[in-house]
Amino acid sequence: MRPSPVFFGILAATIAGGVLAAVGDQSTLFTVNHDPLIVGGVFLLVLAGWALSLTLHEFGHAFVAFKGGDHEVAIKGYLSMDVRKYTDPVFSLVIPLLLLAVGGIPLPGGAVWINNWALRSRAVSSWVSLAGPLTNLGFGIVLTVGVAYIPGIPVGLVCGLSYLALLQILAFVLNILPVPGLDGYGAIEPYLSPQARELGAKARPWAPLVLFALLIAVPFVSNAFFGLARLVFDAIGGDSTFAGFGGSLFRFWN
């Protein structure tokens, strides 16, 4: 259960982005021409921070599975916090990061393969599924509380951290949906009838794709999803104004 050098590298990149966002000229945030240090810092902070949260999300699944009886996750390297163990380099990391950069949709990209037969009970299986999105929720709360209660944080860093926190809440809301292929469905699947589980297994490859298409193409679905996420974000003390500005800094090309 020793964190890998890759994890520490992602953590260092996240911290470096935060430092750049903090040391830039904060007065330029209220002008048309923002300090490149702040823009680059927020971009790096959010991008590396998302990769960090992806690692923690999948580690959460693996850790609960290990405690619940599936010790194969240790052999597979899932407890090392090495993002390479959870992902296909293109489809699990590059594409989700590109979608995040282009549209701000936190596509879940990682995957850990759990031996459900080794888990002690249906309840354990449910908690294995819930561990990932709950990790996103916890990470989002930590970031939000830090922004709210640590005095003297530069505004550029506040914007970057707030946007990263909002992305965690978006990831939580998205993953908790009871859609085959997402963690919310995985939490209820052990309690479904065999016929329902068979139907869910058939829908699992394409159901998330349909959901993402609806989020992108149907304004009603998109507005409902982002509205729910912002309600949760506001409930934990997040500031949507700072988060929105952080998103604008992150997508600096718009």
C-alpha atoms as a PDB file:
ATOM      1  CA  MET A   1       0.000   0.000   0.000  1.00  0.00           C
ATOM      2  CA  ARG A   2       2.975   2.276  -0.630  1.00  0.00           C
ATOM      3  CA  PRO A   3       2.214   5.207  -2.987  1.00  0.00           C
ATOM      4  CA  SER A   4       4.091   4.971  -6.267  1.00  0.00           C
ATOM      5  CA  PRO A   5       6.502   7.617  -7.623  1.00  0.00           C
ATOM      6  CA  VAL A   6       3.901   8.322 -10.338  1.00  0.00           C
ATOM      7  CA  PHE A   7       1.418   9.384  -7.659  1.00  0.00           C
ATOM      8  CA  PHE A   8       3.970  11.692  -6.081  1.00  0.00           C
ATOM      9  CA  GLY A   9       4.764  13.115  -9.525  1.00  0.00           C
ATOM     10  CA  ILE A  10       1.093  13.963 -10.144  1.00  0.00           C
ATOM     11  CA  LEU A  11       0.852  15.428  -6.651  1.00  0.00           C
ATOM     12  CA  ALA A  12       3.950  17.556  -7.299  1.00  0.00           C
ATOM     13  CA  ALA A  13       2.468  18.819 -10.589  1.00  0.00           C
ATOM     14  CA  THR A  14      -0.756  19.748  -8.795  1.00  0.00           C
ATOM     15  CA  ILE A  15       1.161  21.652  -6.125  1.00  0.00           C
ATOM     16  CA  ALA A  16       3.296  23.369  -8.764  1.00  0.00           C
ATOM     17  CA  GLY A  17       0.153  24.563 -10.531  1.00  0.00           C
ATOM     18  CA  GLY A  18      -1.172  25.935  -7.250  1.00  0.00           C
ATOM     19  CA  VAL A  19       2.084  27.769  -6.583  1.00  0.00           C
ATOM     20  CA  LEU A  20       2.043  29.389 -10.038  1.00  0.00           C
ATOM     21  CA  ALA A  21      -1.577  30.465  -9.573  1.00  0.00           C
ATOM     22  CA  ALA A  22      -0.651  31.972  -6.207  1.00  0.00           C
ATOM     23  CA  VAL A  23       2.496  33.901  -7.184  1.00  0.00           C
ATOM     24  CA  GLY A  24       1.103  35.489 -10.358  1.00  0.00           C
ATOM     25  CA  ASP A  25      -0.047  39.088 -10.467  1.00  0.00           C
ATOM     26  CA  GLN A  26      -3.478  38.839  -8.839  1.00  0.00           C
ATOM     27  CA  SER A  27      -4.519  42.318  -9.952  1.00  0.00           C
ATOM     28  CA  THR A  28      -4.659  41.133 -13.580  1.00  0.00           C
ATOM     29  CA  LEU A  29      -7.597  38.869 -12.743  1.00  0.00           C
ATOM     30  CA  PHE A  30      -9.837  41.923 -12.939  1.00  0.00           C
ATOM     31  CA  THR A  31      -8.505  42.965 -16.352  1.00  0.00           C
ATOM     32  CA  VAL A  32      -8.757  41.553 -19.855  1.00  0.00           C
ATOM     33  CA  ASN A  33      -5.142  40.360 -19.924  1.00  0.00           C
ATOM     34  CA  HIS A  34      -4.589  37.846 -17.128  1.00  0.00           C
ATOM     35  CA  ASP A  35      -1.090  37.087 -15.909  1.00  0.00           C
ATOM     36  CA  PRO A  36       0.144  34.006 -17.848  1.00  0.00           C
ATOM     37  CA  LEU A  37       1.495  32.595 -14.582  1.00  0.00           C
ATOM     38  CA  ILE A  38      -2.006  32.499 -13.127  1.00  0.00           C
ATOM     39  CA  VAL A  39      -3.572  31.075 -16.287  1.00  0.00           C
ATOM     40  CA  GLY A  40      -0.889  28.397 -16.659  1.00  0.00           C
ATOM     41  CA  GLY A  41      -1.003  27.666 -12.955  1.00  0.00           C
ATOM     42  CA  VAL A  42      -4.770  27.149 -12.878  1.00  0.00           C
ATOM     43  CA  PHE A  43      -4.586  24.985 -16.005  1.00  0.00           C
ATOM     44  CA  LEU A  44      -1.874  22.776 -14.493  1.00  0.00           C
ATOM     45  CA  LEU A  45      -3.566  22.694 -11.087  1.00  0.00           C
ATOM     46  CA  VAL A  46      -6.882  21.520 -12.505  1.00  0.00           C
ATOM     47  CA  LEU A  47      -5.452  19.086 -15.050  1.00  0.00           C
ATOM     48  CA  ALA A  48      -3.020  17.422 -12.627  1.00  0.00           C
ATOM     49  CA  GLY A  49      -5.555  17.668  -9.808  1.00  0.00           C
ATOM     50  CA  TRP A  50      -8.098  15.776 -11.908  1.00  0.00           C
ATOM     51  CA  ALA A  51      -5.546  13.027 -12.608  1.00  0.00           C
ATOM     52  CA  LEU A  52      -4.889  12.959  -8.852  1.00  0.00           C
ATOM     53  CA  SER A  53      -8.588  12.599  -8.079  1.00  0.00           C
ATOM     54  CA  LEU A  54      -8.885   9.823 -10.681  1.00  0.00           C
ATOM     55  CA  THR A  55      -6.141   7.963  -8.839  1.00  0.00           C
ATOM     56  CA  LEU A  56      -7.824   8.453  -5.458  1.00  0.00           C
ATOM     57  CA  HIS A  57     -11.213   7.423  -6.893  1.00  0.00           C
ATOM     58  CA  GLU A  58      -9.917   4.091  -8.157  1.00  0.00           C
ATOM     59  CA  PHE A  59      -7.785   3.535  -5.059  1.00  0.00           C
ATOM     60  CA  GLY A  60     -10.984   3.976  -3.014  1.00  0.00           C
ATOM     61  CA  HIS A  61     -12.629   1.123  -4.933  1.00  0.00           C
ATOM     62  CA  ALA A  62      -9.573  -1.085  -4.512  1.00  0.00           C
ATOM     63  CA  PHE A  63      -9.018  -0.338  -0.829  1.00  0.00           C
ATOM     64  CA  VAL A  64     -12.602  -1.174   0.165  1.00  0.00           C
ATOM     65  CA  ALA A  65     -12.474  -4.310  -2.004  1.00  0.00           C
ATOM     66  CA  PHE A  66      -9.254  -5.381  -0.280  1.00  0.00           C
ATOM     67  CA  LYS A  67     -10.802  -4.868   3.159  1.00  0.00           C
ATOM     68  CA  GLY A  68     -13.931  -6.674   1.944  1.00  0.00           C
ATOM     69  CA  GLY A  69     -12.131  -9.865   0.926  1.00  0.00           C
ATOM     70  CA  ASP A  70     -10.689  -9.369  -2.567  1.00  0.00           C
ATOM     71  CA  HIS A  71      -6.950  -9.558  -1.930  1.00  0.00           C
ATOM     72  CA  GLU A  72      -6.218  -9.913  -5.639  1.00  0.00           C
ATOM     73  CA  VAL A  73      -6.336  -6.107  -5.924  1.00  0.00           C
ATOM     74  CA  ALA A  74      -2.988  -5.985  -4.121  1.00  0.00           C
ATOM     75  CA  ILE A  75      -1.441  -8.426  -6.594  1.00  0.00           C
ATOM     76  CA  LYS A  76      -2.760  -6.330  -9.494  1.00  0.00           C
ATOM     77  CA  GLY A  77      -1.065  -3.234  -8.051  1.00  0.00           C
ATOM     78  CA  TYR A  78      -4.276  -1.307  -7.413  1.00  0.00           C
ATOM     79  CA  LEU A  79      -3.154  -0.314  -3.919  1.00  0.00           C
ATOM     80  CA  SER A  80      -0.015   1.424  -5.219  1.00  0.00           C
ATOM     81  CA  MET A  81      -1.843   4.610  -6.278  1.00  0.00           C
ATOM     82  CA  ASP A  82      -0.185   4.274  -9.687  1.00  0.00           C
ATOM     83  CA  VAL A  83      -2.647   5.722 -12.196  1.00  0.00           C
ATOM     84  CA  ARG A  84      -1.176   3.470 -14.893  1.00  0.00           C
ATOM     85  CA  LYS A  85      -2.601   0.442 -13.081  1.00  0.00           C
ATOM     86  CA  TYR A  86      -6.130   1.798 -13.369  1.00  0.00           C
ATOM     87  CA  THR A  87      -6.125   3.024 -16.907  1.00  0.00           C
ATOM     88  CA  ASP A  88      -5.704   2.476 -20.565  1.00  0.00           C
ATOM     89  CA  PRO A  89      -3.408   5.395 -21.504  1.00  0.00           C
ATOM     90  CA  VAL A  90      -5.656   6.726 -24.283  1.00  0.00           C
ATOM     91  CA  PHE A  91      -9.245   5.813 -23.433  1.00  0.00           C
ATOM     92  CA  SER A  92      -8.936   6.098 -19.667  1.00  0.00           C
ATOM     93  CA  LEU A  93      -6.690   9.117 -19.262  1.00  0.00           C
ATOM     94  CA  VAL A  94      -6.038  11.122 -22.436  1.00  0.00           C
ATOM     95  CA  ILE A  95      -9.640  11.229 -23.720  1.00  0.00           C
ATOM     96  CA  PRO A  96     -11.194  12.094 -20.317  1.00  0.00           C
ATOM     97  CA  LEU A  97      -8.633  14.871 -19.826  1.00  0.00           C
ATOM     98  CA  LEU A  98      -9.374  16.210 -23.319  1.00  0.00           C
ATOM     99  CA  LEU A  99     -13.128  16.171 -22.638  1.00  0.00           C
ATOM    100  CA  LEU A 100     -12.474  17.953 -19.369  1.00  0.00           C
ATOM    101  CA  ALA A 101     -10.412  20.590 -21.140  1.00  0.00           C
ATOM    102  CA  VAL A 102     -12.906  21.072 -23.975  1.00  0.00           C
ATOM    103  CA  GLY A 103     -16.282  20.751 -22.279  1.00  0.00           C
ATOM    104  CA  GLY A 104     -15.752  20.612 -18.543  1.00  0.00           C
ATOM    105  CA  ILE A 105     -17.416  17.179 -18.298  1.00  0.00           C
ATOM    106  CA  PRO A 106     -15.568  15.002 -15.764  1.00  0.00           C
ATOM    107  CA  LEU A 107     -15.713  11.697 -17.647  1.00  0.00           C
ATOM    108  CA  PRO A 108     -14.851   8.777 -15.334  1.00  0.00           C
ATOM    109  CA  GLY A 109     -11.797   7.261 -16.943  1.00  0.00           C
ATOM    110  CA  GLY A 110     -10.262   4.669 -14.659  1.00  0.00           C
ATOM    111  CA  ALA A 111     -11.241   1.114 -13.880  1.00  0.00           C
ATOM    112  CA  VAL A 112     -10.296  -1.521 -11.338  1.00  0.00           C
ATOM    113  CA  TRP A 113     -11.345  -5.103 -11.878  1.00  0.00           C
ATOM    114  CA  ILE A 114     -12.872  -6.529  -8.711  1.00  0.00           C
ATOM    115  CA  ASN A 115     -13.422 -10.216  -7.987  1.00  0.00           C
ATOM    116  CA  ASN A 116     -16.958  -9.866  -6.658  1.00  0.00           C
ATOM    117  CA  TRP A 117     -17.069 -13.562  -5.724  1.00  0.00           C
ATOM    118  CA  ALA A 118     -14.338 -12.899  -3.156  1.00  0.00           C
ATOM    119  CA  LEU A 119     -16.280 -10.120  -1.429  1.00  0.00           C
ATOM    120  CA  ARG A 120     -17.925 -11.071   1.846  1.00  0.00           C
ATOM    121  CA  SER A 121     -21.439  -9.790   1.164  1.00  0.00           C
ATOM    122  CA  ARG A 122     -23.700  -7.812  -1.122  1.00  0.00           C
ATOM    123  CA  ALA A 123     -23.325  -4.840   1.202  1.00  0.00           C
ATOM    124  CA  VAL A 124     -19.543  -4.930   0.767  1.00  0.00           C
ATOM    125  CA  SER A 125     -19.990  -5.042  -3.008  1.00  0.00           C
ATOM    126  CA  SER A 126     -22.189  -1.945  -2.819  1.00  0.00           C
ATOM    127  CA  TRP A 127     -19.659  -0.088  -0.701  1.00  0.00           C
ATOM    128  CA  VAL A 128     -16.903  -0.981  -3.164  1.00  0.00           C
ATOM    129  CA  SER A 129     -18.895   0.790  -5.880  1.00  0.00           C
ATOM    130  CA  LEU A 130     -19.744   3.761  -3.663  1.00  0.00           C
ATOM    131  CA  ALA A 131     -16.148   4.225  -2.459  1.00  0.00           C
ATOM    132  CA  GLY A 132     -15.069   5.916  -5.701  1.00  0.00           C
ATOM    133  CA  PRO A 133     -17.693   8.667  -5.948  1.00  0.00           C
ATOM    134  CA  LEU A 134     -17.580   9.204  -2.176  1.00  0.00           C
ATOM    135  CA  THR A 135     -13.841   9.815  -2.565  1.00  0.00           C
ATOM    136  CA  ASN A 136     -14.628  12.541  -5.121  1.00  0.00           C
ATOM    137  CA  LEU A 137     -17.175  14.026  -2.730  1.00  0.00           C
ATOM    138  CA  GLY A 138     -14.678  13.973   0.137  1.00  0.00           C
ATOM    139  CA  PHE A 139     -11.952  15.538  -2.000  1.00  0.00           C
ATOM    140  CA  GLY A 140     -14.365  18.250  -3.098  1.00  0.00           C
ATOM    141  CA  ILE A 141     -15.341  18.977   0.510  1.00  0.00           C
ATOM    142  CA  VAL A 142     -11.686  19.204   1.598  1.00  0.00           C
ATOM    143  CA  LEU A 143     -10.901  21.668  -1.189  1.00  0.00           C
ATOM    144  CA  THR A 144     -13.997  23.745  -0.454  1.00  0.00           C
ATOM    145  CA  VAL A 145     -13.338  23.885   3.289  1.00  0.00           C
ATOM    146  CA  GLY A 146      -9.721  24.812   2.626  1.00  0.00           C
ATOM    147  CA  VAL A 147     -10.744  27.697   0.394  1.00  0.00           C
ATOM    148  CA  ALA A 148     -13.344  28.876   2.904  1.00  0.00           C
ATOM    149  CA  TYR A 149     -11.336  28.706   6.115  1.00  0.00           C
ATOM    150  CA  ILE A 150      -7.645  29.159   5.253  1.00  0.00           C
ATOM    151  CA  PRO A 151      -7.026  32.901   5.355  1.00  0.00           C
ATOM    152  CA  GLY A 152      -4.991  34.861   2.843  1.00  0.00           C
ATOM    153  CA  ILE A 153      -5.222  32.517  -0.144  1.00  0.00           C
ATOM    154  CA  PRO A 154      -4.521  34.478  -3.365  1.00  0.00           C
ATOM    155  CA  VAL A 155      -7.598  34.927  -5.525  1.00  0.00           C
ATOM    156  CA  GLY A 156      -6.097  33.078  -8.505  1.00  0.00           C
ATOM    157  CA  LEU A 157      -5.505  30.009  -6.358  1.00  0.00           C
ATOM    158  CA  VAL A 158      -8.996  30.310  -4.857  1.00  0.00           C
ATOM    159  CA  CYS A 159     -10.486  30.246  -8.372  1.00  0.00           C
ATOM    160  CA  GLY A 160      -8.448  27.202  -9.405  1.00  0.00           C
ATOM    161  CA  LEU A 161      -9.215  25.253  -6.236  1.00  0.00           C
ATOM    162  CA  SER A 162     -12.901  26.156  -6.409  1.00  0.00           C
ATOM    163  CA  TYR A 163     -13.181  24.916  -9.991  1.00  0.00           C
ATOM    164  CA  LEU A 164     -11.321  21.703  -9.113  1.00  0.00           C
ATOM    165  CA  ALA A 165     -13.707  21.238  -6.170  1.00  0.00           C
ATOM    166  CA  LEU A 166     -16.714  21.755  -8.451  1.00  0.00           C
ATOM    167  CA  LEU A 167     -15.356  19.114 -10.831  1.00  0.00           C
ATOM    168  CA  GLN A 168     -15.204  16.666  -7.915  1.00  0.00           C
ATOM    169  CA  ILE A 169     -18.851  17.319  -7.157  1.00  0.00           C
ATOM    170  CA  LEU A 170     -19.730  16.911 -10.845  1.00  0.00           C
ATOM    171  CA  ALA A 171     -17.863  13.593 -10.848  1.00  0.00           C
ATOM    172  CA  PHE A 172     -19.711  12.513  -7.691  1.00  0.00           C
ATOM    173  CA  VAL A 173     -23.146  13.352  -9.119  1.00  0.00           C
ATOM    174  CA  LEU A 174     -22.324  11.732 -12.460  1.00  0.00           C
ATOM    175  CA  ASN A 175     -20.948   8.517 -10.994  1.00  0.00           C
ATOM    176  CA  ILE A 176     -23.722   8.126  -8.451  1.00  0.00           C
ATOM    177  CA  LEU A 177     -26.394   7.932 -11.168  1.00  0.00           C
ATOM    178  CA  PRO A 178     -27.975   4.436 -11.387  1.00  0.00           C
ATOM    179  CA  VAL A 179     -26.872   3.968 -14.986  1.00  0.00           C
ATOM    180  CA  PRO A 180     -25.283   0.639 -16.013  1.00  0.00           C
ATOM    181  CA  GLY A 181     -21.533   1.139 -16.251  1.00  0.00           C
ATOM    182  CA  LEU A 182     -21.461   3.798 -13.535  1.00  0.00           C
ATOM    183  CA  ASP A 183     -20.838   3.332  -9.831  1.00  0.00           C
ATOM    184  CA  GLY A 184     -24.377   4.218  -8.804  1.00  0.00           C
ATOM    185  CA  TYR A 185     -25.671   1.211 -10.713  1.00  0.00           C
ATOM    186  CA  GLY A 186     -22.893  -0.939  -9.255  1.00  0.00           C
ATOM    187  CA  ALA A 187     -24.140  -0.075  -5.760  1.00  0.00           C
ATOM    188  CA  ILE A 188     -27.641  -1.390  -6.421  1.00  0.00           C
ATOM    189  CA  GLU A 189     -26.746  -4.234  -8.791  1.00  0.00           C
ATOM    190  CA  PRO A 190     -26.129  -6.849  -6.035  1.00  0.00           C
ATOM    191  CA  TYR A 191     -29.747  -6.437  -4.909  1.00  0.00           C
ATOM    192  CA  LEU A 192     -31.332  -6.755  -8.367  1.00  0.00           C
ATOM    193  CA  SER A 193     -32.936  -9.885  -9.734  1.00  0.00           C
ATOM    194  CA  PRO A 194     -30.851 -12.107 -12.049  1.00  0.00           C
ATOM    195  CA  GLN A 195     -32.943 -10.954 -15.005  1.00  0.00           C
ATOM    196  CA  ALA A 196     -32.330  -7.271 -14.191  1.00  0.00           C
ATOM    197  CA  ARG A 197     -28.595  -7.876 -13.747  1.00  0.00           C
ATOM    198  CA  GLU A 198     -28.468  -9.628 -17.113  1.00  0.00           C
ATOM    199  CA  LEU A 199     -30.206  -6.677 -18.754  1.00  0.00           C
ATOM    200  CA  GLY A 200     -27.824  -4.266 -17.008  1.00  0.00           C
ATOM    201  CA  ALA A 201     -24.825  -6.263 -18.229  1.00  0.00           C
ATOM    202  CA  LYS A 202     -26.058  -5.928 -21.803  1.00  0.00           C
ATOM    203  CA  ALA A 203     -26.571  -2.171 -21.389  1.00  0.00           C
ATOM    204  CA  ARG A 204     -23.273  -1.533 -19.598  1.00  0.00           C
ATOM    205  CA  PRO A 205     -21.091  -0.969 -22.726  1.00  0.00           C
ATOM    206  CA  TRP A 206     -23.328   1.674 -24.296  1.00  0.00           C
ATOM    207  CA  ALA A 207     -25.478   3.192 -21.506  1.00  0.00           C
ATOM    208  CA  PRO A 208     -22.783   5.670 -20.342  1.00  0.00           C
ATOM    209  CA  LEU A 209     -22.219   6.742 -23.958  1.00  0.00           C
ATOM    210  CA  VAL A 210     -25.931   7.505 -24.320  1.00  0.00           C
ATOM    211  CA  LEU A 211     -25.819   9.503 -21.083  1.00  0.00           C
ATOM    212  CA  PHE A 212     -22.821  11.556 -22.238  1.00  0.00           C
ATOM    213  CA  ALA A 213     -24.485  12.192 -25.601  1.00  0.00           C
ATOM    214  CA  LEU A 214     -27.583  13.465 -23.789  1.00  0.00           C
ATOM    215  CA  LEU A 215     -25.464  15.693 -21.568  1.00  0.00           C
ATOM    216  CA  ILE A 216     -23.787  17.219 -24.599  1.00  0.00           C
ATOM    217  CA  ALA A 217     -26.718  17.420 -27.033  1.00  0.00           C
ATOM    218  CA  VAL A 218     -29.844  17.924 -24.898  1.00  0.00           C
ATOM    219  CA  PRO A 219     -29.923  21.245 -23.003  1.00  0.00           C
ATOM    220  CA  PHE A 220     -32.605  20.070 -20.560  1.00  0.00           C
ATOM    221  CA  VAL A 221     -30.548  17.074 -19.453  1.00  0.00           C
ATOM    222  CA  SER A 222     -27.363  19.149 -19.271  1.00  0.00           C
ATOM    223  CA  ASN A 223     -29.039  21.925 -17.272  1.00  0.00           C
ATOM    224  CA  ALA A 224     -30.593  19.436 -14.850  1.00  0.00           C
ATOM    225  CA  PHE A 225     -27.267  17.665 -14.304  1.00  0.00           C
ATOM    226  CA  PHE A 226     -25.174  20.788 -13.799  1.00  0.00           C
ATOM    227  CA  GLY A 227     -27.942  22.368 -11.716  1.00  0.00           C
ATOM    228  CA  LEU A 228     -27.982  19.394  -9.345  1.00  0.00           C
ATOM    229  CA  ALA A 229     -24.195  19.440  -9.081  1.00  0.00           C
ATOM    230  CA  ARG A 230     -24.195  23.150  -8.265  1.00  0.00           C
ATOM    231  CA  LEU A 231     -26.827  22.584  -5.562  1.00  0.00           C
ATOM    232  CA  VAL A 232     -24.542  20.029  -3.930  1.00  0.00           C
ATOM    233  CA  PHE A 233     -21.543  22.339  -4.407  1.00  0.00           C
ATOM    234  CA  ASP A 234     -23.380  25.238  -2.779  1.00  0.00           C
ATOM    235  CA  ALA A 235     -24.573  22.964   0.046  1.00  0.00           C
ATOM    236  CA  ILE A 236     -21.000  22.115   1.059  1.00  0.00           C
ATOM    237  CA  GLY A 237     -20.053  25.800   1.038  1.00  0.00           C
ATOM    238  CA  GLY A 238     -18.649  26.192  -2.468  1.00  0.00           C
ATOM    239  CA  ASP A 239     -18.613  29.534  -4.242  1.00  0.00           C
ATOM    240  CA  SER A 240     -19.996  29.195  -7.762  1.00  0.00           C
ATOM    241  CA  THR A 241     -18.635  32.606  -8.769  1.00  0.00           C
ATOM    242  CA  PHE A 242     -15.040  31.645  -7.984  1.00  0.00           C
ATOM    243  CA  ALA A 243     -15.547  28.202  -9.543  1.00  0.00           C
ATOM    244  CA  GLY A 244     -16.961  29.729 -12.723  1.00  0.00           C
ATOM    245  CA  PHE A 245     -14.069  32.130 -12.997  1.00  0.00           C
ATOM    246  CA  GLY A 246     -11.649  29.274 -12.376  1.00  0.00           C
ATOM    247  CA  GLY A 247     -13.283  27.379 -15.228  1.00  0.00           C
ATOM    248  CA  SER A 248     -12.790  30.378 -17.499  1.00  0.00           C
ATOM    249  CA  LEU A 249      -9.100  30.548 -16.562  1.00  0.00           C
ATOM    250  CA  PHE A 250      -8.743  26.832 -17.157  1.00  0.00           C
ATOM    251  CA  ARG A 251     -10.314  27.054 -20.628  1.00  0.00           C
ATOM    252  CA  PHE A 252      -8.268  30.128 -21.454  1.00  0.00           C
ATOM    253  CA  TRP A 253      -8.644  29.644 -25.206  1.00  0.00           C
ATOM    254  CA  ASN A 254     -12.397  30.381 -25.135  1.00  0.00           C
END
